[in-house]
Amino acid sequence: MAIDAPAVTVLLPLLNEVESIDLCLESLAAQDYPGPIEILIAEGGSTDGTRERLSEWEARLPRLRVIENPRRLQSHGLNLLAEHAAGEVVVRADGHTTYAPDYVSRSVETLRRTGAMVVGGLMKPVGTNPFTKAVAAAMTSPWAIGTAKFRHADAEMEADAVYLGAMRRSDFLRVGGIRTFPTGVAEDADFFFRLSRAGARVVLDPLIVSSYQPRTDLPGLFRQFRRYGQGKAEMFWVNGELPSRRPLAPLALVIALAAGLALSMIGGTVVPLAVLVGVWLVGSLLVFRSHGRLALAVAAVAAVMQVAYGIGLVWGLVRGPGTVRDLRSPPVRSVVPPGRSTADQRDRHP
């Protein structure tokens, strides 16, 4: 084993990813990491041909192993894979994403150098046609999607979250892994929120490079962001607070649109609603004018993302805690090992 190159396990939960799995696995197979690396896949019972493609990859890559995930959910898959992992460091992966050849190497190097509990890079969406290019542009705009550092940072820094991420397997298990939420989308945000509460350091390194494939149609995009909003509501009911103030913007937008619609119906005029919608859309067009011919499309998909997110958040808050009340538990006071301060994490090496 190379010096400072501990064994790594890539954790990849999958369900119906036949369209993207080949590119994902090709990029993982091409990693330049000098130490031992295995790829563990939690297969949730795909029905689109993903399982058959994985069988072909198992024959090509001896270091790839597929583990059945009967509960199908990503959170269960990640926890299951972490239990089976042989690596000292676990690196999360997603089936909609491809990875630079030095993705694992850079992750381990940043983890070693910074002593952080979790390191990771940006969520960098890449479009392949006019629609997905418009979605990618909106997903990297603070106007459209907020100011989360893992979407916009251009320098290494501490952050409240990263895209996917790498950490020591022992740390992942010690914090209890990933909790499961009904929407199936709040788990990552909840995981990083719990780490933040417990005093863990999370470092964002934009040189840890991957490319995410955004949704390819408008209904799918709407559903995705509506679920994101519902997920944040579930986090509120479980943790007693939102993870940040960023969800308040789409919440305010949807409330304002609903109020404008109500005033229009009561007053018999659409002027209040038309003024509100006009100001909002003109503002979007001004923000996205640098995208040229795509400006209108980017503004449109940004509007869909904002409204869908706000609707999901409102619905989740109005609906109440429901089954997520079962996730409530006393917060972990610290995830720093006994005898170490949070600052001491800088001196830890995998």
Protein backbone atom coordinates (compact mmCIF):
# COMPACT_ATOMS: atom_id res chain seq x y z
CA MET A 1 0.00 0.00 0.00
CA ALA A 2 1.27 3.46 -0.87
CA ILE A 3 2.12 5.83 1.97
CA ASP A 4 -0.92 7.91 2.94
CA ALA A 5 -3.11 5.78 0.66
CA PRO A 6 -5.44 3.86 2.98
CA ALA A 7 -7.87 1.28 1.63
CA VAL A 8 -10.96 2.96 0.14
CA THR A 9 -14.49 1.68 -0.38
CA VAL A 10 -16.80 3.49 -2.80
CA LEU A 11 -20.43 3.32 -1.63
CA LEU A 12 -22.91 3.39 -4.52
CA PRO A 13 -26.65 2.84 -3.89
CA LEU A 14 -28.62 2.22 -7.10
CA LEU A 15 -32.19 1.83 -8.28
CA ASN A 16 -33.17 1.95 -11.96
CA GLU A 17 -30.10 3.76 -13.29
CA VAL A 18 -29.57 1.88 -16.56
CA GLU A 19 -29.22 5.07 -18.61
CA SER A 20 -26.33 6.43 -16.57
CA ILE A 21 -24.68 3.50 -14.81
CA ASP A 22 -22.12 2.72 -17.53
CA LEU A 23 -20.66 6.23 -17.55
CA CYS A 24 -20.67 6.28 -13.76
CA LEU A 25 -18.81 2.98 -13.41
CA GLU A 26 -16.40 3.76 -16.24
CA SER A 27 -15.32 6.87 -14.36
CA LEU A 28 -14.96 4.96 -11.10
CA ALA A 29 -12.98 2.19 -12.80
CA ALA A 30 -10.56 4.81 -14.18
CA GLN A 31 -9.56 6.27 -10.80
CA ASP A 32 -5.83 6.93 -10.37
CA TYR A 33 -5.82 6.19 -6.64
CA PRO A 34 -2.56 4.41 -5.69
CA GLY A 35 -4.02 2.41 -2.80
CA PRO A 36 -6.53 -0.46 -2.70
CA ILE A 37 -10.04 0.49 -3.74
CA GLU A 38 -13.28 -1.49 -3.88
CA ILE A 39 -16.66 -0.52 -5.29
CA LEU A 40 -19.70 -1.72 -3.34
CA ILE A 41 -23.14 -1.32 -4.90
CA ALA A 42 -26.45 -1.59 -3.05
CA GLU A 43 -28.96 -2.71 -5.69
CA GLY A 44 -32.55 -1.89 -4.74
CA GLY A 45 -34.37 -4.26 -7.09
CA SER A 46 -34.11 -2.37 -10.38
CA THR A 47 -36.56 -3.29 -13.14
CA ASP A 48 -35.04 -1.29 -16.04
CA GLY A 49 -32.06 -3.50 -16.84
CA THR A 50 -29.65 -2.01 -14.29
CA ARG A 51 -29.09 -5.35 -12.57
CA GLU A 52 -28.14 -7.02 -15.85
CA ARG A 53 -25.65 -4.24 -16.62
CA LEU A 54 -24.14 -4.68 -13.15
CA SER A 55 -23.64 -8.40 -13.81
CA GLU A 56 -21.52 -7.47 -16.83
CA TRP A 57 -19.51 -5.01 -14.74
CA GLU A 58 -18.93 -7.61 -12.03
CA ALA A 59 -17.26 -9.81 -14.63
CA ARG A 60 -15.06 -6.90 -15.78
CA LEU A 61 -14.09 -5.51 -12.36
CA PRO A 62 -13.07 -8.02 -9.67
CA ARG A 63 -13.05 -5.18 -7.13
CA LEU A 64 -16.76 -4.46 -7.74
CA ARG A 65 -19.35 -6.23 -5.60
CA VAL A 66 -23.15 -5.97 -5.69
CA ILE A 67 -25.13 -6.33 -2.45
CA GLU A 68 -28.89 -6.63 -2.52
CA ASN A 69 -30.80 -3.81 -0.83
CA PRO A 70 -34.26 -5.29 -0.10
CA ARG A 71 -35.49 -2.07 1.52
CA ARG A 72 -34.68 -0.24 -1.77
CA LEU A 73 -34.06 3.17 -0.20
CA GLN A 74 -30.76 5.01 -0.62
CA SER A 75 -30.30 5.53 3.11
CA HIS A 76 -30.62 1.83 3.86
CA GLY A 77 -28.30 1.04 0.98
CA LEU A 78 -25.58 3.38 2.25
CA ASN A 79 -25.78 2.01 5.78
CA LEU A 80 -25.69 -1.56 4.48
CA LEU A 81 -22.65 -0.84 2.32
CA ALA A 82 -20.80 0.86 5.16
CA GLU A 83 -21.25 -2.26 7.28
CA HIS A 84 -19.73 -4.42 4.52
CA ALA A 85 -16.96 -1.98 3.56
CA ALA A 86 -13.38 -3.15 3.89
CA GLY A 87 -11.90 0.31 3.36
CA GLU A 88 -10.71 2.62 6.10
CA VAL A 89 -12.15 5.51 4.09
CA VAL A 90 -15.60 5.45 2.48
CA VAL A 91 -16.32 7.60 -0.57
CA ARG A 92 -19.93 8.16 -1.51
CA ALA A 93 -21.03 7.95 -5.13
CA ASP A 94 -24.25 8.53 -7.06
CA GLY A 95 -25.45 6.76 -10.18
CA HIS A 96 -26.31 10.05 -11.94
CA THR A 97 -22.74 11.31 -11.56
CA THR A 98 -19.39 10.78 -13.26
CA TYR A 99 -16.06 11.36 -11.52
CA ALA A 100 -12.73 12.91 -12.49
CA PRO A 101 -9.83 10.38 -12.53
CA ASP A 102 -8.37 11.93 -9.36
CA TYR A 103 -11.71 12.12 -7.50
CA VAL A 104 -10.80 9.47 -4.93
CA SER A 105 -7.15 10.56 -4.68
CA ARG A 106 -8.13 14.18 -4.11
CA SER A 107 -10.77 13.19 -1.57
CA VAL A 108 -8.32 11.14 0.49
CA GLU A 109 -5.60 13.79 0.23
CA THR A 110 -7.96 16.54 1.42
CA LEU A 111 -9.25 14.32 4.21
CA ARG A 112 -5.67 13.60 5.36
CA ARG A 113 -4.43 17.16 4.99
CA THR A 114 -7.33 18.97 6.67
CA GLY A 115 -8.21 16.44 9.34
CA ALA A 116 -11.90 17.19 8.67
CA MET A 117 -14.54 14.59 9.40
CA VAL A 118 -16.05 14.89 5.91
CA VAL A 119 -14.64 16.34 2.69
CA GLY A 120 -16.20 16.70 -0.72
CA GLY A 121 -16.61 18.85 -3.78
CA LEU A 122 -19.22 20.80 -5.67
CA MET A 123 -22.47 19.54 -7.12
CA LYS A 124 -21.70 20.42 -10.73
CA PRO A 125 -24.63 19.74 -13.08
CA VAL A 126 -23.77 19.31 -16.77
CA GLY A 127 -26.41 19.48 -19.48
CA THR A 128 -26.29 17.69 -22.84
CA ASN A 129 -29.23 19.38 -24.63
CA PRO A 130 -30.95 22.80 -24.39
CA PHE A 131 -33.30 21.72 -21.60
CA THR A 132 -30.70 20.06 -19.38
CA LYS A 133 -28.27 22.90 -20.06
CA ALA A 134 -30.93 25.32 -18.81
CA VAL A 135 -31.46 23.17 -15.71
CA ALA A 136 -27.71 23.03 -15.10
CA ALA A 137 -27.44 26.81 -15.36
CA ALA A 138 -30.33 27.31 -12.93
CA MET A 139 -28.87 24.79 -10.47
CA THR A 140 -25.65 26.79 -10.22
CA SER A 141 -27.37 30.17 -9.75
CA PRO A 142 -27.78 31.69 -6.26
CA TRP A 143 -30.90 33.44 -7.56
CA ALA A 144 -32.54 30.17 -8.54
CA ILE A 145 -31.41 27.81 -5.84
CA GLY A 146 -29.79 29.73 -3.00
CA THR A 147 -26.29 30.31 -1.75
CA ALA A 148 -25.22 26.85 -0.58
CA LYS A 149 -21.43 26.69 -0.79
CA PHE A 150 -21.38 23.24 -2.39
CA ARG A 151 -23.05 24.75 -5.46
CA HIS A 152 -20.95 27.90 -5.91
CA ALA A 153 -17.61 27.83 -4.05
CA ASP A 154 -14.41 28.51 -5.99
CA ALA A 155 -11.90 27.93 -3.15
CA GLU A 156 -11.36 25.41 -0.38
CA MET A 157 -13.36 26.29 2.73
CA GLU A 158 -15.33 24.91 5.64
CA ALA A 159 -18.97 24.42 4.70
CA ASP A 160 -22.23 23.14 6.12
CA ALA A 161 -22.43 20.43 3.42
CA VAL A 162 -20.67 19.00 0.39
CA TYR A 163 -21.85 16.97 -2.58
CA LEU A 164 -21.67 13.27 -1.65
CA GLY A 165 -18.45 13.31 0.42
CA ALA A 166 -15.70 11.10 1.83
CA MET A 167 -15.02 10.21 5.46
CA ARG A 168 -13.52 7.53 7.63
CA ARG A 169 -15.71 4.45 7.89
CA SER A 170 -15.37 4.47 11.68
CA ASP A 171 -16.72 8.03 11.82
CA PHE A 172 -19.67 7.15 9.56
CA LEU A 173 -20.62 4.25 11.78
CA ARG A 174 -20.05 6.20 15.00
CA VAL A 175 -22.55 8.93 14.06
CA GLY A 176 -25.16 6.32 13.25
CA GLY A 177 -25.05 6.46 9.47
CA ILE A 178 -27.91 7.95 7.43
CA ARG A 179 -31.42 8.37 8.79
CA THR A 180 -34.39 7.51 6.55
CA PHE A 181 -37.04 10.13 5.72
CA PRO A 182 -40.39 9.45 4.00
CA THR A 183 -39.51 11.58 0.95
CA GLY A 184 -36.19 9.80 0.53
CA VAL A 185 -34.41 13.10 -0.23
CA ALA A 186 -33.69 14.75 3.12
CA GLU A 187 -31.14 12.22 4.32
CA ASP A 188 -28.00 14.04 3.14
CA ALA A 189 -29.08 17.42 4.50
CA ASP A 190 -30.04 15.79 7.79
CA PHE A 191 -26.71 13.96 8.00
CA PHE A 192 -24.69 17.15 7.59
CA PHE A 193 -27.01 19.05 9.94
CA ARG A 194 -26.40 16.41 12.63
CA LEU A 195 -22.66 16.66 12.08
CA SER A 196 -22.82 20.44 12.38
CA ARG A 197 -24.73 20.22 15.65
CA ALA A 198 -22.13 17.81 16.97
CA GLY A 199 -19.19 20.07 16.15
CA ALA A 200 -17.73 18.13 13.21
CA ARG A 201 -15.69 19.89 10.53
CA VAL A 202 -16.81 19.59 6.91
CA VAL A 203 -14.41 20.85 4.24
CA LEU A 204 -15.39 21.72 0.69
CA ASP A 205 -12.64 21.37 -1.92
CA PRO A 206 -13.74 22.46 -5.42
CA LEU A 207 -10.83 20.45 -6.87
CA ILE A 208 -12.75 17.28 -5.96
CA VAL A 209 -14.50 17.19 -9.32
CA SER A 210 -17.58 15.30 -10.47
CA SER A 211 -20.37 15.95 -12.98
CA TYR A 212 -24.04 15.47 -12.15
CA GLN A 213 -26.68 14.69 -14.79
CA PRO A 214 -29.81 16.77 -14.11
CA ARG A 215 -33.40 15.72 -14.75
CA THR A 216 -34.28 15.52 -18.44
CA ASP A 217 -37.92 16.71 -18.40
CA LEU A 218 -40.01 19.37 -16.68
CA PRO A 219 -42.39 17.04 -14.74
CA GLY A 220 -39.41 15.13 -13.34
CA LEU A 221 -37.73 18.39 -12.34
CA PHE A 222 -40.90 19.61 -10.61
CA ARG A 223 -41.27 16.36 -8.67
CA GLN A 224 -37.60 16.44 -7.66
CA PHE A 225 -37.76 19.94 -6.19
CA ARG A 226 -41.16 19.42 -4.60
CA ARG A 227 -39.68 16.46 -2.76
CA TYR A 228 -36.68 18.60 -1.76
CA GLY A 229 -39.11 21.05 -0.16
CA GLN A 230 -41.02 18.30 1.61
CA GLY A 231 -37.72 16.89 2.83
CA LYS A 232 -36.80 20.20 4.46
CA ALA A 233 -40.19 20.22 6.20
CA GLU A 234 -39.49 16.71 7.49
CA MET A 235 -36.15 17.94 8.82
CA PHE A 236 -37.95 20.77 10.60
CA TRP A 237 -40.34 18.37 12.31
CA VAL A 238 -37.51 16.04 13.34
CA ASN A 239 -34.85 18.55 14.39
CA GLY A 240 -37.03 21.46 15.54
CA GLU A 241 -35.46 23.87 13.05
CA LEU A 242 -34.56 24.25 9.40
CA PRO A 243 -30.92 23.48 8.55
CA SER A 244 -30.48 27.05 7.21
CA ARG A 245 -32.46 30.10 6.20
CA ARG A 246 -32.22 29.28 2.50
CA PRO A 247 -35.58 27.43 2.30
CA LEU A 248 -37.36 30.58 3.52
CA ALA A 249 -37.01 32.25 0.10
CA PRO A 250 -39.11 29.73 -1.91
CA LEU A 251 -41.47 29.50 1.07
CA ALA A 252 -42.02 33.27 0.97
CA LEU A 253 -42.44 33.15 -2.82
CA VAL A 254 -45.20 30.54 -2.72
CA ILE A 255 -46.98 32.31 0.15
CA ALA A 256 -46.81 35.59 -1.78
CA LEU A 257 -48.14 33.95 -4.95
CA ALA A 258 -50.99 32.34 -2.98
CA ALA A 259 -51.80 35.67 -1.32
CA GLY A 260 -51.76 37.45 -4.70
CA LEU A 261 -54.09 34.83 -6.14
CA ALA A 262 -56.45 35.16 -3.16
CA LEU A 263 -56.52 38.97 -3.45
CA SER A 264 -57.21 38.68 -7.16
CA MET A 265 -60.14 36.35 -6.56
CA ILE A 266 -61.57 38.44 -3.73
CA GLY A 267 -61.09 41.77 -5.49
CA GLY A 268 -62.13 40.53 -8.90
CA THR A 269 -58.89 41.71 -10.52
CA VAL A 270 -55.68 39.91 -11.42
CA VAL A 271 -53.56 43.04 -11.06
CA PRO A 272 -51.92 42.10 -7.72
CA LEU A 273 -50.99 38.65 -8.94
CA ALA A 274 -49.89 39.91 -12.36
CA VAL A 275 -47.63 42.54 -10.80
CA LEU A 276 -46.03 40.01 -8.48
CA VAL A 277 -45.47 37.43 -11.21
CA GLY A 278 -44.20 40.09 -13.60
CA VAL A 279 -41.64 41.46 -11.15
CA TRP A 280 -40.47 37.95 -10.31
CA LEU A 281 -40.07 36.82 -13.91
CA VAL A 282 -38.47 40.06 -15.08
CA GLY A 283 -35.99 39.75 -12.23
CA SER A 284 -35.18 36.21 -13.37
CA LEU A 285 -34.68 37.29 -16.96
CA LEU A 286 -32.34 40.08 -15.88
CA VAL A 287 -30.33 37.64 -13.77
CA PHE A 288 -30.05 35.11 -16.60
CA ARG A 289 -29.62 37.51 -19.55
CA SER A 290 -25.96 36.47 -19.85
CA HIS A 291 -27.12 33.03 -21.06
CA GLY A 292 -28.21 34.51 -24.37
CA ARG A 293 -30.68 32.32 -26.24
CA LEU A 294 -31.06 30.09 -23.21
CA ALA A 295 -32.03 32.99 -20.91
CA LEU A 296 -35.77 32.43 -21.18
CA ALA A 297 -35.43 28.68 -20.71
CA VAL A 298 -33.16 29.12 -17.67
CA ALA A 299 -35.61 31.62 -16.14
CA ALA A 300 -38.49 29.21 -16.77
CA VAL A 301 -36.85 26.17 -15.18
CA ALA A 302 -35.64 28.31 -12.26
CA ALA A 303 -39.25 29.37 -11.70
CA VAL A 304 -40.39 25.75 -11.74
CA MET A 305 -37.68 24.76 -9.26
CA GLN A 306 -38.53 27.62 -6.88
CA VAL A 307 -42.29 27.09 -6.97
CA ALA A 308 -42.01 23.30 -6.68
CA TYR A 309 -39.66 23.60 -3.69
CA GLY A 310 -41.92 26.13 -1.99
CA ILE A 311 -45.03 24.03 -2.56
CA GLY A 312 -43.30 20.97 -1.12
CA LEU A 313 -42.13 22.91 1.93
CA VAL A 314 -45.57 24.44 2.57
CA TRP A 315 -47.27 21.08 2.17
CA GLY A 316 -44.80 19.36 4.47
CA LEU A 317 -45.21 22.00 7.18
CA VAL A 318 -49.02 21.99 6.95
CA ARG A 319 -49.20 18.20 6.94
CA GLY A 320 -47.32 18.01 10.22
CA PRO A 321 -44.70 15.57 11.51
CA GLY A 322 -46.51 12.35 10.63
CA THR A 323 -44.23 9.33 10.78
CA VAL A 324 -41.05 11.41 11.00
CA ARG A 325 -41.78 11.94 14.69
CA ASP A 326 -40.34 8.45 15.13
CA LEU A 327 -36.93 9.80 14.10
CA ARG A 328 -36.79 12.29 16.93
CA SER A 329 -33.95 11.58 19.31
CA PRO A 330 -31.64 13.55 21.58
CA PRO A 331 -28.98 15.29 19.45
CA VAL A 332 -25.49 13.83 19.44
CA ARG A 333 -23.45 16.23 21.55
CA SER A 334 -20.14 15.50 19.89
CA VAL A 335 -18.76 13.31 17.15
CA VAL A 336 -15.18 14.15 18.08
CA PRO A 337 -13.49 11.15 19.74
CA PRO A 338 -13.06 11.37 23.54
CA GLY A 339 -9.92 13.19 24.52
CA ARG A 340 -9.80 15.31 21.36
CA SER A 341 -11.06 18.81 20.70
CA THR A 342 -12.77 19.75 17.44
CA ALA A 343 -9.61 21.56 16.40
CA ASP A 344 -7.61 18.37 16.95
CA GLN A 345 -9.36 16.87 13.91
CA ARG A 346 -6.86 18.79 11.78
CA ASP A 347 -4.14 16.45 13.02
CA ARG A 348 -5.97 13.21 12.27
CA HIS A 349 -4.90 11.14 9.30
CA PRO A 350 -6.72 8.23 7.68
